């Protein structure tokens, strides 16, 4: 039986920026502390929400190092080290392990993409290069590649591949994954936390948790405790806000929301730009209903 990396809510943490676009490490440290105090069960650094796609190699490595140091083993730190270049992903994954990351999050190759055979070769090469557990990240809406059940079954045989972050939106596929593999499953969509956990999922890797760490943790914990009624109530209470966190390309809306809350995380790096006024107003209105506006 493979060891579980975490249960509950892992935040896909944003990377705070100054006005000039450089990383605000002082604010980053404060956000990490707020997350741990709020009950977040793990931190995913340098994921999509952390804007890893527009980081230099040096920034990517420094963000992982900084997060590992600040968390200081209080919760697991999961480093996003996926790439569409297998050799680069191998190098970055080895470096993340050296820096003390507890696990890795590996997105499917994007743009150049690959076949299912290629996915197996890609993920196996990375998994062979490290000695820490790996979460496969399936998000076909962004990458154009979907991990099939047969591919999952083959990859699940690797000692280091222990989990899947499922953001395909396909609950039927998640059910099949739970039925036919021993992989831990994490919801990659905040609007599907309760459905996926009802099928045996271990938790969520969450954008919502950036704004609502306690509530996201509580939702997942209720599921783990078998209290699906309370979990569903939270899921539905925060559903409008959750949906509005994806009213534009992630992480544009979540950074806007955190700034509205006074968390001062700055804007996204280009090519991502601020939302239109109408979208911001819609986001603000959903936050106001929940008492999240400053």
Protein backbone atom coordinates (compact mmCIF):
# COMPACT_ATOMS: atom_id res chain seq x y z
CA UNK A 1 0.00 0.00 0.00
CA UNK A 2 1.39 3.38 -0.99
CA UNK A 3 1.64 6.16 1.57
CA UNK A 4 -0.83 9.04 1.31
CA UNK A 5 0.79 12.46 0.89
CA UNK A 6 -2.04 14.37 2.59
CA UNK A 7 -5.75 14.25 3.29
CA UNK A 8 -7.98 17.31 3.24
CA UNK A 9 -7.28 20.62 1.52
CA UNK A 10 -4.05 21.60 -0.21
CA UNK A 11 -3.84 25.18 -1.40
CA UNK A 12 -2.54 25.79 -4.91
CA UNK A 13 -0.86 28.88 -3.56
CA UNK A 14 -0.55 32.13 -5.50
CA UNK A 15 2.80 33.84 -5.93
CA UNK A 16 2.54 37.44 -4.68
CA UNK A 17 4.12 40.08 -6.92
CA UNK A 18 5.28 43.65 -6.51
CA UNK A 19 4.13 46.32 -8.98
CA UNK A 20 7.23 45.75 -11.09
CA UNK A 21 6.37 42.04 -11.40
CA UNK A 22 9.08 40.74 -9.11
CA UNK A 23 8.17 38.19 -6.43
CA UNK A 24 7.12 39.61 -3.07
CA UNK A 25 8.72 37.09 -0.72
CA UNK A 26 7.73 39.00 2.42
CA UNK A 27 4.08 38.75 1.45
CA UNK A 28 4.60 35.14 0.37
CA UNK A 29 5.81 34.29 3.88
CA UNK A 30 2.72 35.94 5.40
CA UNK A 31 0.36 34.05 3.09
CA UNK A 32 2.03 30.74 3.93
CA UNK A 33 1.51 31.45 7.63
CA UNK A 34 -2.11 32.44 7.06
CA UNK A 35 -2.72 29.18 5.22
CA UNK A 36 -1.24 27.00 7.95
CA UNK A 37 -3.07 28.95 10.66
CA UNK A 38 -6.28 28.57 8.63
CA UNK A 39 -6.05 24.79 8.66
CA UNK A 40 -4.70 24.08 5.17
CA UNK A 41 -3.39 20.52 5.10
CA UNK A 42 -0.69 20.90 2.41
CA UNK A 43 0.78 23.58 0.15
CA UNK A 44 1.30 23.24 -3.59
CA UNK A 45 3.96 25.72 -4.70
CA UNK A 46 4.71 26.68 -8.32
CA UNK A 47 1.53 25.22 -9.76
CA UNK A 48 -0.67 26.85 -12.38
CA UNK A 49 -2.12 29.18 -9.75
CA UNK A 50 1.42 30.09 -8.69
CA UNK A 51 2.22 31.28 -12.24
CA UNK A 52 5.06 28.82 -12.71
CA UNK A 53 4.67 29.15 -16.50
CA UNK A 54 6.12 32.67 -16.37
CA UNK A 55 8.85 32.09 -13.79
CA UNK A 56 12.53 31.91 -14.63
CA UNK A 57 14.32 28.72 -13.62
CA UNK A 58 15.95 30.62 -10.77
CA UNK A 59 12.61 31.94 -9.51
CA UNK A 60 10.97 28.52 -9.73
CA UNK A 61 13.72 26.94 -7.65
CA UNK A 62 13.83 29.83 -5.18
CA UNK A 63 10.04 29.72 -4.64
CA UNK A 64 10.23 26.02 -3.82
CA UNK A 65 13.19 26.55 -1.50
CA UNK A 66 11.51 29.50 0.22
CA UNK A 67 8.22 27.65 0.74
CA UNK A 68 9.92 24.51 2.08
CA UNK A 69 11.93 26.62 4.53
CA UNK A 70 8.95 28.67 5.74
CA UNK A 71 6.64 25.68 6.14
CA UNK A 72 9.35 23.83 8.07
CA UNK A 73 7.62 20.44 7.85
CA UNK A 74 4.40 21.65 9.52
CA UNK A 75 2.43 20.44 6.48
CA UNK A 76 3.60 18.72 3.29
CA UNK A 77 4.99 20.93 0.53
CA UNK A 78 4.20 19.69 -2.98
CA UNK A 79 6.29 21.24 -5.73
CA UNK A 80 4.95 21.73 -9.22
CA UNK A 81 7.73 20.49 -11.49
CA UNK A 82 5.82 19.38 -14.57
CA UNK A 83 6.84 20.43 -18.06
CA UNK A 84 6.30 19.58 -21.72
CA UNK A 85 10.05 18.88 -21.86
CA UNK A 86 10.76 15.58 -20.09
CA UNK A 87 14.45 16.28 -19.52
CA UNK A 88 13.64 19.67 -17.99
CA UNK A 89 10.98 18.14 -15.73
CA UNK A 90 13.49 15.51 -14.59
CA UNK A 91 16.07 18.18 -13.69
CA UNK A 92 13.53 20.36 -11.88
CA UNK A 93 12.08 17.39 -9.99
CA UNK A 94 15.54 16.28 -8.82
CA UNK A 95 16.22 19.83 -7.65
CA UNK A 96 12.88 20.03 -5.80
CA UNK A 97 13.68 16.81 -3.97
CA UNK A 98 17.09 18.20 -2.97
CA UNK A 99 15.37 21.35 -1.67
CA UNK A 100 13.20 19.26 0.65
CA UNK A 101 9.86 19.10 -1.17
CA UNK A 102 7.70 16.30 0.23
CA UNK A 103 6.09 15.44 -3.11
CA UNK A 104 5.79 16.54 -6.73
CA UNK A 105 2.84 17.61 -8.87
CA UNK A 106 3.35 16.72 -12.55
CA UNK A 107 1.05 18.14 -15.19
CA UNK A 108 0.63 16.35 -18.50
CA UNK A 109 2.80 17.72 -21.33
CA UNK A 110 1.13 20.64 -23.08
CA UNK A 111 1.34 22.28 -26.52
CA UNK A 112 3.61 19.65 -28.10
CA UNK A 113 1.43 17.14 -26.17
CA UNK A 114 1.97 13.40 -26.66
CA UNK A 115 0.24 10.03 -27.04
CA UNK A 116 -0.81 7.80 -24.14
CA UNK A 117 2.37 5.79 -24.78
CA UNK A 118 4.30 9.04 -24.56
CA UNK A 119 2.61 9.95 -21.27
CA UNK A 120 3.73 6.65 -19.77
CA UNK A 121 7.31 7.19 -20.95
CA UNK A 122 7.32 10.83 -19.80
CA UNK A 123 5.98 10.26 -16.29
CA UNK A 124 8.03 7.09 -15.81
CA UNK A 125 11.26 8.91 -16.68
CA UNK A 126 10.51 11.57 -14.06
CA UNK A 127 9.37 9.05 -11.44
CA UNK A 128 12.55 7.00 -11.97
CA UNK A 129 14.69 10.08 -11.26
CA UNK A 130 13.41 10.83 -7.74
CA UNK A 131 12.60 9.14 -4.47
CA UNK A 132 9.60 11.21 -3.37
CA UNK A 133 5.93 10.61 -4.21
CA UNK A 134 4.28 12.02 -7.31
CA UNK A 135 0.80 13.33 -8.04
CA UNK A 136 -0.20 13.17 -11.70
CA UNK A 137 -2.16 16.23 -12.80
CA UNK A 138 -4.85 15.67 -15.41
CA UNK A 139 -6.24 18.95 -16.75
CA UNK A 140 -7.10 18.45 -20.43
CA UNK A 141 -8.84 21.83 -20.71
CA UNK A 142 -5.41 23.48 -20.34
CA UNK A 143 -3.06 20.92 -21.83
CA UNK A 144 -5.12 19.28 -24.56
CA UNK A 145 -4.13 15.85 -23.23
CA UNK A 146 -6.28 13.50 -21.15
CA UNK A 147 -4.90 10.61 -19.09
CA UNK A 148 -6.97 7.53 -19.91
CA UNK A 149 -7.83 4.85 -17.38
CA UNK A 150 -5.47 2.35 -19.03
CA UNK A 151 -2.62 4.85 -18.78
CA UNK A 152 -3.45 5.56 -15.15
CA UNK A 153 -3.41 1.81 -14.45
CA UNK A 154 0.04 1.40 -15.97
CA UNK A 155 1.48 4.42 -14.20
CA UNK A 156 -0.03 3.35 -10.86
CA UNK A 157 2.36 0.41 -10.90
CA UNK A 158 5.32 2.74 -10.33
CA UNK A 159 6.38 2.90 -6.69
CA UNK A 160 6.63 6.72 -6.71
CA UNK A 161 3.38 7.50 -8.55
CA UNK A 162 0.83 7.55 -5.76
CA UNK A 163 -1.96 9.97 -6.64
CA UNK A 164 -3.90 11.88 -9.28
CA UNK A 165 -5.17 15.44 -9.28
CA UNK A 166 -8.27 15.11 -11.43
CA UNK A 167 -9.41 18.30 -13.14
CA UNK A 168 -10.99 16.70 -16.18
CA UNK A 169 -14.45 17.46 -14.82
CA UNK A 170 -15.49 13.91 -15.73
CA UNK A 171 -17.00 12.34 -12.61
CA UNK A 172 -17.57 9.05 -14.44
CA UNK A 173 -13.85 8.84 -15.23
CA UNK A 174 -13.01 9.62 -11.61
CA UNK A 175 -15.29 6.80 -10.47
CA UNK A 176 -13.52 4.42 -12.84
CA UNK A 177 -10.15 5.63 -11.57
CA UNK A 178 -11.22 4.94 -7.99
CA UNK A 179 -12.59 1.52 -8.90
CA UNK A 180 -9.64 0.29 -10.96
CA UNK A 181 -6.49 1.74 -9.34
CA UNK A 182 -5.04 2.25 -5.89
CA UNK A 183 -4.08 5.85 -6.63
CA UNK A 184 -5.16 8.49 -4.15
CA UNK A 185 -7.48 10.94 -5.88
CA UNK A 186 -7.62 14.68 -5.28
CA UNK A 187 -10.22 16.97 -6.79
CA UNK A 188 -8.64 19.53 -9.09
CA UNK A 189 -11.91 21.47 -9.33
CA UNK A 190 -13.26 23.33 -6.32
CA UNK A 191 -16.85 22.81 -7.44
CA UNK A 192 -16.39 19.03 -7.31
CA UNK A 193 -14.81 18.51 -3.90
CA UNK A 194 -17.78 16.70 -2.38
CA UNK A 195 -18.66 14.55 -5.42
CA UNK A 196 -15.07 13.36 -5.86
CA UNK A 197 -14.53 12.73 -2.17
CA UNK A 198 -17.80 10.78 -2.02
CA UNK A 199 -16.15 8.39 -4.49
CA UNK A 200 -13.20 7.90 -2.17
CA UNK A 201 -11.11 10.96 -2.98
CA UNK A 202 -8.65 12.03 -0.30
CA UNK A 203 -9.10 15.77 -0.68
CA UNK A 204 -8.66 18.74 -2.98
CA UNK A 205 -5.87 20.81 -4.48
CA UNK A 206 -7.66 24.10 -4.27
CA UNK A 207 -7.71 27.61 -5.68
CA UNK A 208 -10.58 28.56 -3.35
CA UNK A 209 -8.36 27.85 -0.33
CA UNK A 210 -6.28 30.94 -1.14
CA UNK A 211 -9.26 33.02 -0.01
CA UNK A 212 -11.03 30.56 2.31
CA UNK A 213 -8.51 28.14 3.84
CA UNK A 214 -10.65 27.17 6.84
CA UNK A 215 -13.83 26.64 4.87
CA UNK A 216 -12.08 24.54 2.22
CA UNK A 217 -10.37 22.47 4.89
CA UNK A 218 -13.68 22.02 6.73
CA UNK A 219 -15.48 20.94 3.55
CA UNK A 220 -12.88 18.25 2.90
CA UNK A 221 -12.73 17.21 6.54
CA UNK A 222 -16.49 16.78 6.72
CA UNK A 223 -16.18 14.39 3.78
CA UNK A 224 -13.38 12.48 5.46
CA UNK A 225 -15.55 12.23 8.58
CA UNK A 226 -18.50 10.95 6.53
CA UNK A 227 -20.59 14.05 7.17
CA UNK A 228 -21.55 14.67 3.56
CA UNK A 229 -24.58 16.77 4.49
CA UNK A 230 -22.40 19.42 6.17
CA UNK A 231 -19.83 19.18 3.37
CA UNK A 232 -22.50 19.69 0.71
CA UNK A 233 -23.87 22.71 2.55
CA UNK A 234 -20.43 24.35 2.39
CA UNK A 235 -19.93 23.29 -1.23
CA UNK A 236 -23.19 24.96 -2.22
CA UNK A 237 -22.72 28.02 0.01
CA UNK A 238 -19.43 28.84 -1.70
CA UNK A 239 -20.43 27.65 -5.18
CA UNK A 240 -21.16 31.06 -6.74
CA UNK A 241 -17.87 32.47 -5.46
CA UNK A 242 -16.03 29.31 -6.53
CA UNK A 243 -17.44 29.63 -10.04
CA UNK A 244 -16.46 33.29 -10.17
CA UNK A 245 -12.87 32.40 -9.29
CA UNK A 246 -12.81 30.93 -12.80
CA UNK A 247 -14.68 33.73 -14.53
CA UNK A 248 -11.38 34.52 -16.26
CA UNK A 249 -8.13 32.61 -16.73
CA UNK A 250 -6.74 31.29 -13.44
CA UNK A 251 -5.11 32.89 -11.44
CA UNK A 252 -6.43 36.27 -12.58
CA UNK A 253 -9.69 36.11 -10.54
CA UNK A 254 -8.17 34.63 -7.37
CA UNK A 255 -5.50 37.31 -7.25
CA UNK A 256 -8.21 39.94 -7.77
CA UNK A 257 -10.24 38.37 -4.95
CA UNK A 258 -7.27 38.30 -2.59
CA UNK A 259 -6.54 41.95 -3.34
CA UNK A 260 -10.18 42.80 -2.63
CA UNK A 261 -9.70 41.02 0.72
CA UNK A 262 -6.67 43.23 1.43
CA UNK A 263 -4.11 40.47 0.97
CA UNK A 264 -2.01 42.55 -1.44
CA UNK A 265 -0.76 39.85 -3.81
CA UNK A 266 -0.34 42.10 -6.83
CA UNK A 267 -1.30 41.35 -10.40
CA UNK A 268 -0.41 38.47 -12.69
CA UNK A 269 2.51 38.59 -15.06
CA UNK A 270 1.88 39.05 -18.74
CA UNK A 271 0.31 37.66 -20.83
CA UNK A 272 -2.35 37.53 -18.08
CA UNK A 273 -4.01 40.89 -17.46
CA UNK A 274 -6.64 42.23 -15.07
CA UNK A 275 -10.28 41.34 -15.61
CA UNK A 276 -12.82 43.62 -17.21
CA UNK A 277 -14.79 45.85 -14.83
CA UNK A 278 -17.98 43.81 -15.31
CA UNK A 279 -16.27 40.57 -14.28
CA UNK A 280 -14.65 42.21 -11.27
CA UNK A 281 -18.05 43.54 -10.18
CA UNK A 282 -19.54 40.05 -10.46
CA UNK A 283 -16.69 38.59 -8.41
CA UNK A 284 -17.03 41.34 -5.80
CA UNK A 285 -20.78 40.77 -5.47
CA UNK A 286 -20.32 37.06 -4.75
CA UNK A 287 -17.63 37.87 -2.19
CA UNK A 288 -19.82 40.50 -0.51
CA UNK A 289 -22.54 37.90 0.08
CA UNK A 290 -20.03 35.81 2.04
CA UNK A 291 -18.56 38.72 4.00
CA UNK A 292 -15.21 38.41 2.24
CA UNK A 293 -14.84 42.03 1.13
CA UNK A 294 -12.62 44.30 3.19
